[in-house]
Amino acid sequence: MKYVIIGVGAAGIMAAKTIRKADKESSLTMISLDAQVHSRCMLHKYLSHERNEKQLSFIPENFFEENQIIWNKAQSVKQLHVKEKQVELLDGTRVEYDKLLIATGANSFIPPVGNLREAKNVFGLRHLSDAQAIDQSAKKAENIVIIGSGLVGLDAAYGLMETGKNVSIVEMADRILPVQLDKTAAKEYQKRFESAGAKFYLGRKAAETKMDENGKITTVILDNGEELKSDLIIVAAGVRSATAGFETEEIIVDRGMKVDEFMQTGAKDVYAAGDVTGLSGIWPNAQKQGETAALNMMGGRVPYTDRFAAKNTINFFGLNSLCVGEIVPKETDVVIAREDASNYKRVIIRDGKVAGVLLQGDISHAGIWQYLIKNQISVAGIKKDIFALNFSDFYGIKENGEYVWNF
């Protein structure tokens, strides 16, 4: 059997581990545009110079050798030939497969605003190569503009501010981290970033740019006409699944590569996992998808059922936050909030069930919330303080002393 995995991120590496655990003999080849395995969650540590390239890796140093994996690194896919069961690389090399996993992740989306797409000093932050390019550019940059204040944008800001750079952050929403937090929780992080020197432009969009004769943007013009000086621009305004080279009649792409419950695409013996599917951007989910795909590539019939992905853990300046499920309540929802000097808690109840929870400060014992939201368990019959819930509240005891799940 010839297994081929494209991508060495969370999904691809987990798939390789799963295959090798069960099958020590079959051929296993991995192909990646990346020249080095790295955790994209840690790229901001590279920008702050807390970690070097080697320290970003999440696998043992001799992973490929010990697992007898052929690694074609720094290679991009030109075309997939599903009938011939071959992957054609940009250099013309063709790699044959019996079972193929596409785990190429996603790439930063650069909007068609002004000269953002062609300027030499504009970068996304999705790969190690992005971080390396930003680090080199930042050496001569004083004024850095970041478009987007989601986790990637703030990670970049946090890392660069550690090196003493002037950072301005443009966000079209009325608050930072708009997907993860409400106004109250977001304000706490904004205060900390501003105290460290960051400048925010909320409710604003980049509308135009000025570029010099060297092909670098010197000014970002906002939609209200305000001008921001820029030596370096980082765009963190979303991603697109990395599907280039896989355009075939059999494989359907719509915001992600479509897969069935067994992680198989429309092409026979071709599977997909991780960000390329558009299912989830969360590391554990990507790993689970990679594992599930690998088991099915080896002949299993294991469905991927964990499509719940609305969970984020945040930590900036020592302040922890956890958000699970819905952030924006509907008019008919019941919203319960509590705040003190150190903590902020908010829960959204919809039709007697927890639709979302946001914890800031002390986020311990939070497992109950994800369980309740994911499994849509009713809390209508619970009489105690909603924020004091624990798993014991959902169990009863039979006459014989046996515990029983009540809901």
Protein backbone atom coordinates (compact mmCIF):
# COMPACT_ATOMS: atom_id res chain seq x y z
CA MET A 1 0.00 0.00 0.00
CA LYS A 2 1.23 3.47 -0.91
CA TYR A 3 0.03 6.19 1.45
CA VAL A 4 0.62 9.83 0.54
CA ILE A 5 -0.14 12.76 2.86
CA ILE A 6 0.07 16.35 1.64
CA GLY A 7 0.72 18.73 4.51
CA VAL A 8 2.72 18.48 7.74
CA GLY A 9 0.43 20.40 10.06
CA ALA A 10 -1.69 19.05 12.91
CA ALA A 11 -3.94 16.90 10.68
CA GLY A 12 -1.18 15.54 8.44
CA ILE A 13 1.22 14.62 11.23
CA MET A 14 -1.53 12.94 13.26
CA ALA A 15 -2.57 10.94 10.21
CA ALA A 16 1.03 9.80 9.68
CA LYS A 17 1.32 8.75 13.33
CA THR A 18 -1.94 6.81 13.10
CA ILE A 19 -0.90 4.96 9.97
CA ARG A 20 2.52 4.07 11.28
CA LYS A 21 1.12 2.85 14.60
CA ALA A 22 -0.98 0.26 12.74
CA ASP A 23 1.12 -0.35 9.65
CA LYS A 24 4.90 -0.50 9.88
CA GLU A 25 5.52 -1.85 6.38
CA SER A 26 3.55 0.17 3.81
CA SER A 27 5.12 3.06 1.94
CA LEU A 28 4.34 6.45 3.51
CA THR A 29 5.23 9.72 1.78
CA MET A 30 4.56 13.24 3.01
CA ILE A 31 4.65 16.32 0.79
CA SER A 32 4.65 19.88 2.06
CA LEU A 33 5.22 23.43 0.94
CA ASP A 34 6.72 23.96 4.39
CA ALA A 35 10.40 23.21 4.73
CA GLN A 36 10.02 22.73 8.47
CA VAL A 37 7.29 21.36 10.69
CA HIS A 38 5.93 24.06 12.97
CA SER A 39 2.95 25.00 15.09
CA ARG A 40 1.16 28.00 13.59
CA CYS A 41 -0.23 28.70 17.06
CA MET A 42 3.30 29.62 18.13
CA LEU A 43 4.31 31.91 15.27
CA HIS A 44 3.91 34.99 17.44
CA LYS A 45 6.60 33.54 19.71
CA TYR A 46 8.91 33.65 16.72
CA LEU A 47 8.04 37.30 16.06
CA SER A 48 8.81 38.18 19.69
CA HIS A 49 12.10 36.22 19.43
CA GLU A 50 11.07 33.94 22.29
CA ARG A 51 11.47 30.89 20.04
CA ASN A 52 13.53 30.09 16.97
CA GLU A 53 12.50 27.95 14.01
CA LYS A 54 13.55 24.70 15.63
CA GLN A 55 11.62 25.46 18.82
CA LEU A 56 8.38 25.87 16.85
CA SER A 57 8.33 22.18 15.90
CA PHE A 58 5.83 19.90 17.62
CA ILE A 59 7.38 16.57 16.60
CA PRO A 60 10.56 14.74 17.68
CA GLU A 61 13.68 15.74 15.77
CA ASN A 62 13.98 12.36 14.00
CA PHE A 63 10.25 11.85 13.43
CA PHE A 64 10.44 11.14 9.69
CA GLU A 65 13.45 8.82 9.92
CA GLU A 66 12.12 6.86 12.89
CA ASN A 67 8.76 6.36 11.19
CA GLN A 68 10.27 5.53 7.79
CA ILE A 69 8.51 8.43 6.12
CA ILE A 70 9.71 9.91 2.86
CA TRP A 71 9.35 13.68 3.19
CA ASN A 72 9.28 15.82 0.05
CA LYS A 73 9.59 19.22 1.70
CA ALA A 74 9.43 22.69 0.16
CA GLN A 75 7.34 21.25 -2.66
CA SER A 76 4.05 22.53 -3.98
CA VAL A 77 1.41 20.55 -5.85
CA LYS A 78 0.85 21.48 -9.46
CA GLN A 79 -1.99 19.10 -10.22
CA LEU A 80 -3.79 16.05 -8.86
CA HIS A 81 -4.43 13.24 -11.35
CA VAL A 82 -7.19 11.18 -9.75
CA LYS A 83 -7.55 8.67 -12.61
CA GLU A 84 -3.85 7.87 -12.65
CA LYS A 85 -3.67 8.17 -8.85
CA GLN A 86 -0.72 10.53 -9.05
CA VAL A 87 0.23 13.82 -7.43
CA GLU A 88 2.19 16.05 -9.81
CA LEU A 89 4.57 18.48 -8.11
CA LEU A 90 5.62 21.86 -9.44
CA ASP A 91 9.03 20.50 -10.48
CA GLY A 92 7.34 17.85 -12.64
CA THR A 93 7.84 14.94 -10.26
CA ARG A 94 4.89 12.57 -9.98
CA VAL A 95 4.17 10.70 -6.77
CA GLU A 96 1.91 7.64 -7.00
CA TYR A 97 -0.60 6.77 -4.28
CA ASP A 98 -3.12 4.13 -3.35
CA LYS A 99 -4.61 6.31 -0.61
CA LEU A 100 -4.16 10.07 -0.49
CA LEU A 101 -4.81 12.58 2.30
CA ILE A 102 -4.97 16.30 1.54
CA ALA A 103 -4.12 18.27 4.68
CA THR A 104 -2.76 21.47 3.18
CA GLY A 105 -4.44 23.81 5.69
CA ALA A 106 -5.38 27.36 4.75
CA ASN A 107 -3.72 30.56 3.55
CA SER A 108 -4.19 34.15 4.60
CA PHE A 109 -6.72 36.14 2.58
CA ILE A 110 -5.47 39.50 1.35
CA PRO A 111 -8.43 41.69 0.34
CA PRO A 112 -8.31 43.64 -2.94
CA VAL A 113 -7.87 47.00 -1.24
CA GLY A 114 -5.46 49.52 -2.71
CA ASN A 115 -2.06 47.94 -3.26
CA LEU A 116 -2.31 45.32 -0.51
CA ARG A 117 -2.03 42.37 -2.87
CA GLU A 118 1.04 43.53 -4.79
CA ALA A 119 3.05 45.53 -2.26
CA LYS A 120 6.33 44.09 -1.01
CA ASN A 121 5.76 44.95 2.64
CA VAL A 122 2.36 43.26 3.10
CA PHE A 123 2.16 39.82 4.70
CA GLY A 124 -0.29 37.34 6.14
CA LEU A 125 0.64 35.25 9.18
CA ARG A 126 -0.20 31.64 8.58
CA HIS A 127 3.09 29.85 7.89
CA LEU A 128 6.63 29.93 9.20
CA SER A 129 7.70 31.51 5.91
CA ASP A 130 5.27 34.37 6.66
CA ALA A 131 6.74 34.86 10.13
CA GLN A 132 10.28 34.79 8.74
CA ALA A 133 9.41 37.41 6.13
CA ILE A 134 7.71 39.60 8.75
CA ASP A 135 10.69 39.28 11.09
CA GLN A 136 13.09 40.40 8.37
CA SER A 137 10.90 43.31 7.35
CA ALA A 138 10.33 44.35 10.96
CA LYS A 139 14.05 44.92 11.49
CA LYS A 140 13.78 48.15 9.52
CA ALA A 141 10.16 48.97 10.35
CA GLU A 142 9.00 51.34 13.04
CA ASN A 143 5.33 51.76 12.20
CA ILE A 144 3.41 48.52 11.78
CA VAL A 145 -0.24 48.34 10.75
CA ILE A 146 -2.24 45.20 11.44
CA ILE A 147 -5.56 44.78 9.64
CA GLY A 148 -7.85 42.59 11.74
CA SER A 149 -8.00 42.16 15.51
CA GLY A 150 -8.84 38.48 15.74
CA LEU A 151 -6.52 36.00 17.44
CA VAL A 152 -3.99 36.04 14.60
CA GLY A 153 -3.89 39.83 14.44
CA LEU A 154 -3.49 40.26 18.18
CA ASP A 155 -0.93 37.46 18.35
CA ALA A 156 1.12 39.32 15.76
CA ALA A 157 0.69 42.61 17.62
CA TYR A 158 1.65 41.01 20.92
CA GLY A 159 4.78 39.44 19.46
CA LEU A 160 5.98 42.58 17.67
CA MET A 161 5.28 44.85 20.63
CA GLU A 162 7.63 42.65 22.64
CA THR A 163 10.39 43.87 20.32
CA GLY A 164 9.47 47.54 20.85
CA LYS A 165 7.56 48.25 17.62
CA ASN A 166 4.81 50.83 17.19
CA VAL A 167 1.67 48.88 16.32
CA SER A 168 -1.66 50.18 15.00
CA ILE A 169 -4.59 47.77 14.67
CA VAL A 170 -7.53 48.36 12.33
CA GLU A 171 -10.77 46.49 13.03
CA MET A 172 -14.07 46.93 11.20
CA ALA A 173 -16.10 45.73 14.21
CA ASP A 174 -16.80 47.91 17.23
CA ARG A 175 -14.53 45.81 19.45
CA ILE A 176 -11.43 43.64 19.25
CA LEU A 177 -11.73 39.84 19.08
CA PRO A 178 -15.31 40.22 17.75
CA VAL A 179 -15.73 36.51 16.99
CA GLN A 180 -14.58 35.37 20.41
CA LEU A 181 -15.65 38.02 22.94
CA ASP A 182 -18.40 40.46 23.83
CA LYS A 183 -17.76 44.16 24.47
CA THR A 184 -17.09 43.76 28.20
CA ALA A 185 -14.48 41.02 27.84
CA ALA A 186 -12.89 42.62 24.77
CA LYS A 187 -12.47 45.93 26.59
CA GLU A 188 -10.25 44.30 29.21
CA TYR A 189 -7.79 43.16 26.56
CA GLN A 190 -7.97 46.46 24.73
CA LYS A 191 -6.95 48.29 27.93
CA ARG A 192 -3.93 46.03 28.34
CA PHE A 193 -2.83 46.40 24.72
CA GLU A 194 -3.22 50.17 24.87
CA SER A 195 -1.25 50.35 28.11
CA ALA A 196 1.54 48.52 26.30
CA GLY A 197 1.48 51.07 23.46
CA ALA A 198 -0.93 49.69 20.84
CA LYS A 199 -3.33 51.99 19.01
CA PHE A 200 -6.75 50.74 17.90
CA TYR A 201 -8.96 52.02 15.12
CA LEU A 202 -12.30 50.31 15.73
CA GLY A 203 -15.28 50.45 13.41
CA ARG A 204 -12.89 51.32 10.61
CA LYS A 205 -11.75 49.64 7.38
CA ALA A 206 -8.71 50.04 5.18
CA ALA A 207 -10.04 51.78 2.07
CA GLU A 208 -6.95 52.83 0.10
CA THR A 209 -3.16 52.83 0.23
CA LYS A 210 -0.20 54.90 -0.93
CA MET A 211 2.74 52.99 -2.39
CA ASP A 212 6.24 54.33 -3.12
CA GLU A 213 8.51 53.73 -6.10
CA ASN A 214 10.04 50.70 -4.33
CA GLY A 215 6.73 48.86 -4.24
CA LYS A 216 6.14 49.38 -0.53
CA ILE A 217 3.04 50.86 1.07
CA THR A 218 3.86 53.95 3.09
CA THR A 219 0.32 54.90 4.13
CA VAL A 220 -2.90 53.06 4.85
CA ILE A 221 -5.97 55.24 4.36
CA LEU A 222 -9.03 54.34 6.42
CA ASP A 223 -12.63 54.66 5.29
CA ASN A 224 -13.01 57.92 7.23
CA GLY A 225 -10.00 59.45 5.47
CA GLU A 226 -7.58 59.03 8.37
CA GLU A 227 -4.05 58.11 7.31
CA LEU A 228 -1.77 55.66 9.10
CA LYS A 229 1.96 55.60 8.40
CA SER A 230 3.17 52.10 7.59
CA ASP A 231 6.54 50.46 7.10
CA LEU A 232 5.06 46.98 7.44
CA ILE A 233 1.50 45.69 7.09
CA ILE A 234 0.11 42.40 8.40
CA VAL A 235 -3.29 41.33 7.12
CA ALA A 236 -5.20 39.10 9.53
CA ALA A 237 -8.64 39.44 8.00
CA GLY A 238 -9.47 35.79 7.36
CA VAL A 239 -8.21 32.70 5.56
CA ARG A 240 -9.03 30.61 2.51
CA SER A 241 -8.62 26.83 2.29
CA ALA A 242 -5.43 25.85 0.45
CA THR A 243 -7.01 23.96 -2.44
CA ALA A 244 -4.80 25.11 -5.34
CA GLY A 245 -3.75 22.18 -7.51
CA PHE A 246 -6.66 19.99 -6.48
CA GLU A 247 -9.26 21.34 -8.89
CA THR A 248 -10.95 18.26 -10.33
CA GLU A 249 -14.51 17.34 -11.27
CA GLU A 250 -14.65 14.88 -8.38
CA ILE A 251 -13.48 17.22 -5.61
CA ILE A 252 -15.96 19.90 -4.61
CA VAL A 253 -14.65 23.09 -2.99
CA ASP A 254 -16.99 25.57 -1.33
CA ARG A 255 -15.26 27.51 1.46
CA GLY A 256 -13.42 24.27 1.99
CA MET A 257 -12.90 20.86 0.45
CA LYS A 258 -16.09 18.88 0.89
CA VAL A 259 -15.79 15.54 2.68
CA ASP A 260 -18.28 12.92 3.84
CA GLU A 261 -18.55 11.60 7.38
CA PHE A 262 -15.52 9.39 6.75
CA MET A 263 -13.37 12.36 5.64
CA GLN A 264 -13.39 11.18 2.02
CA THR A 265 -13.70 13.65 -0.83
CA GLY A 266 -15.69 13.00 -3.98
CA ALA A 267 -12.62 11.39 -5.53
CA LYS A 268 -12.04 7.71 -4.87
CA ASP A 269 -9.34 7.03 -2.26
CA VAL A 270 -8.75 10.75 -1.72
CA TYR A 271 -9.37 12.10 1.78
CA ALA A 272 -9.04 15.54 3.37
CA ALA A 273 -8.58 16.79 6.94
CA GLY A 274 -7.84 19.97 8.85
CA ASP A 275 -8.33 23.57 7.77
CA VAL A 276 -8.53 22.65 4.08
CA THR A 277 -11.97 21.12 4.75
CA GLY A 278 -13.32 24.28 6.38
CA LEU A 279 -14.67 22.16 9.24
CA SER A 280 -12.62 23.59 12.08
CA GLY A 281 -9.64 25.79 12.80
CA ILE A 282 -9.06 24.27 16.22
CA TRP A 283 -5.91 22.20 16.70
CA PRO A 284 -7.50 19.20 18.53
CA ASN A 285 -10.25 18.97 15.92
CA ALA A 286 -7.72 19.00 13.09
CA GLN A 287 -5.83 16.19 14.80
CA LYS A 288 -9.02 14.18 15.24
CA GLN A 289 -9.86 14.67 11.57
CA GLY A 290 -6.39 13.48 10.58
CA GLU A 291 -6.69 10.42 12.78
CA THR A 292 -10.17 9.61 11.46
CA ALA A 293 -9.07 9.98 7.85
CA ALA A 294 -6.06 7.73 8.43
CA LEU A 295 -8.17 4.99 10.02
CA ASN A 296 -10.50 5.05 7.03
CA MET A 297 -7.62 5.10 4.56
CA MET A 298 -6.53 1.83 6.18
CA GLY A 299 -9.93 0.24 5.56
CA GLY A 300 -11.93 1.38 8.57
CA ARG A 301 -15.41 2.87 8.64
CA VAL A 302 -14.96 5.42 11.38
CA PRO A 303 -17.22 8.48 11.17
CA TYR A 304 -16.03 11.92 12.21
CA THR A 305 -18.71 13.21 14.55
CA ASP A 306 -17.07 16.04 16.47
CA ARG A 307 -18.05 18.96 14.25
CA PHE A 308 -18.52 21.27 17.21
CA ALA A 309 -15.68 23.77 16.92
CA ALA A 310 -16.86 26.94 18.62
CA LYS A 311 -14.24 27.05 21.36
CA ASN A 312 -11.35 29.43 21.98
CA THR A 313 -8.92 29.93 24.82
CA ILE A 314 -7.19 33.31 24.99
CA ASN A 315 -4.32 34.62 27.08
CA PHE A 316 -2.78 38.07 26.67
CA PHE A 317 -0.90 39.92 29.38
CA GLY A 318 -1.72 37.19 31.89
CA LEU A 319 -5.50 37.48 31.47
CA ASN A 320 -7.23 34.20 30.56
CA SER A 321 -10.51 33.88 28.69
CA LEU A 322 -12.53 30.92 27.47
CA CYS A 323 -15.45 31.15 25.08
CA VAL A 324 -17.56 28.18 24.02
CA GLY A 325 -20.53 28.25 21.67
CA GLU A 326 -22.48 31.37 20.74
CA ILE A 327 -21.17 34.85 21.51
CA VAL A 328 -23.95 37.04 20.11
CA PRO A 329 -27.33 36.39 21.78
CA LYS A 330 -30.68 36.46 20.01
CA GLU A 331 -33.48 38.71 21.21
CA THR A 332 -35.33 35.78 22.76
CA ASP A 333 -32.26 34.43 24.63
CA VAL A 334 -31.77 34.75 28.35
CA VAL A 335 -28.39 36.31 29.14
CA ILE A 336 -26.94 35.97 32.64
CA ALA A 337 -23.75 37.92 33.45
CA ARG A 338 -21.67 38.41 36.56
CA GLU A 339 -18.60 40.58 37.07
CA ASP A 340 -16.22 41.38 39.91
CA ALA A 341 -12.76 42.92 40.15
CA SER A 342 -11.02 39.82 38.76
CA ASN A 343 -13.59 37.85 36.81
CA TYR A 344 -16.30 38.20 34.20
CA LYS A 345 -18.79 35.45 33.37
CA ARG A 346 -21.63 35.40 30.88
CA VAL A 347 -23.92 32.59 29.79
CA ILE A 348 -26.52 32.55 27.03
CA ILE A 349 -29.59 30.34 27.59
CA ARG A 350 -31.67 29.46 24.55
CA ASP A 351 -34.80 27.33 24.81
CA GLY A 352 -33.71 26.04 28.20
CA LYS A 353 -30.25 25.01 26.99
CA VAL A 354 -26.85 26.67 27.23
CA ALA A 355 -26.03 28.18 23.82
CA GLY A 356 -22.79 29.90 24.80
CA VAL A 357 -20.56 30.75 27.72
CA LEU A 358 -17.79 33.29 28.17
CA LEU A 359 -15.40 33.14 31.12
CA GLN A 360 -12.66 35.68 31.80
CA GLY A 361 -10.22 35.54 34.69
CA ASP A 362 -10.69 32.21 36.44
CA ILE A 363 -11.49 29.65 33.72
CA SER A 364 -11.00 26.52 35.84
CA HIS A 365 -13.65 23.78 35.90
CA ALA A 366 -14.91 24.86 32.48
CA GLY A 367 -15.33 21.36 31.05
CA ILE A 368 -18.97 21.22 32.09
CA TRP A 369 -19.87 24.09 29.75
CA GLN A 370 -18.49 22.51 26.61
CA TYR A 371 -20.27 19.27 27.47
CA LEU A 372 -23.61 21.00 28.02
CA ILE A 373 -23.38 23.06 24.84
CA LYS A 374 -22.07 20.31 22.59
CA ASN A 375 -24.69 17.79 23.74
CA GLN A 376 -27.55 20.31 24.02
CA ILE A 377 -28.50 19.27 27.55
CA SER A 378 -31.37 21.11 29.17
CA VAL A 379 -30.65 23.19 32.26
CA ALA A 380 -34.26 24.26 32.70
CA GLY A 381 -34.71 22.02 35.73
CA ILE A 382 -31.60 23.26 37.52
CA LYS A 383 -32.47 25.48 40.47
CA LYS A 384 -28.98 26.40 41.71
CA ASP A 385 -26.74 29.26 40.62
CA ILE A 386 -26.01 28.69 36.91
CA PHE A 387 -22.31 29.52 37.39
CA ALA A 388 -21.97 26.90 40.12
CA LEU A 389 -22.95 23.99 37.87
CA ASN A 390 -20.86 20.82 37.85
CA PHE A 391 -21.28 17.31 36.52
CA SER A 392 -22.77 16.06 39.79
CA ASP A 393 -25.84 18.22 39.16
CA PHE A 394 -26.80 15.95 36.29
CA TYR A 395 -26.58 12.64 38.13
CA GLY A 396 -28.96 10.97 40.55
CA ILE A 397 -28.61 7.91 42.77
CA LYS A 398 -30.84 4.85 42.51
CA GLU A 399 -32.02 2.99 45.60
CA ASN A 400 -29.23 0.46 45.10
CA GLY A 401 -26.62 3.24 45.17
CA GLU A 402 -25.99 3.23 41.41
CA TYR A 403 -25.38 6.60 39.77
CA VAL A 404 -27.71 7.49 36.90
CA TRP A 405 -27.61 10.30 34.34
CA ASN A 406 -30.78 12.32 34.80
CA PHE A 407 -30.80 14.37 31.62
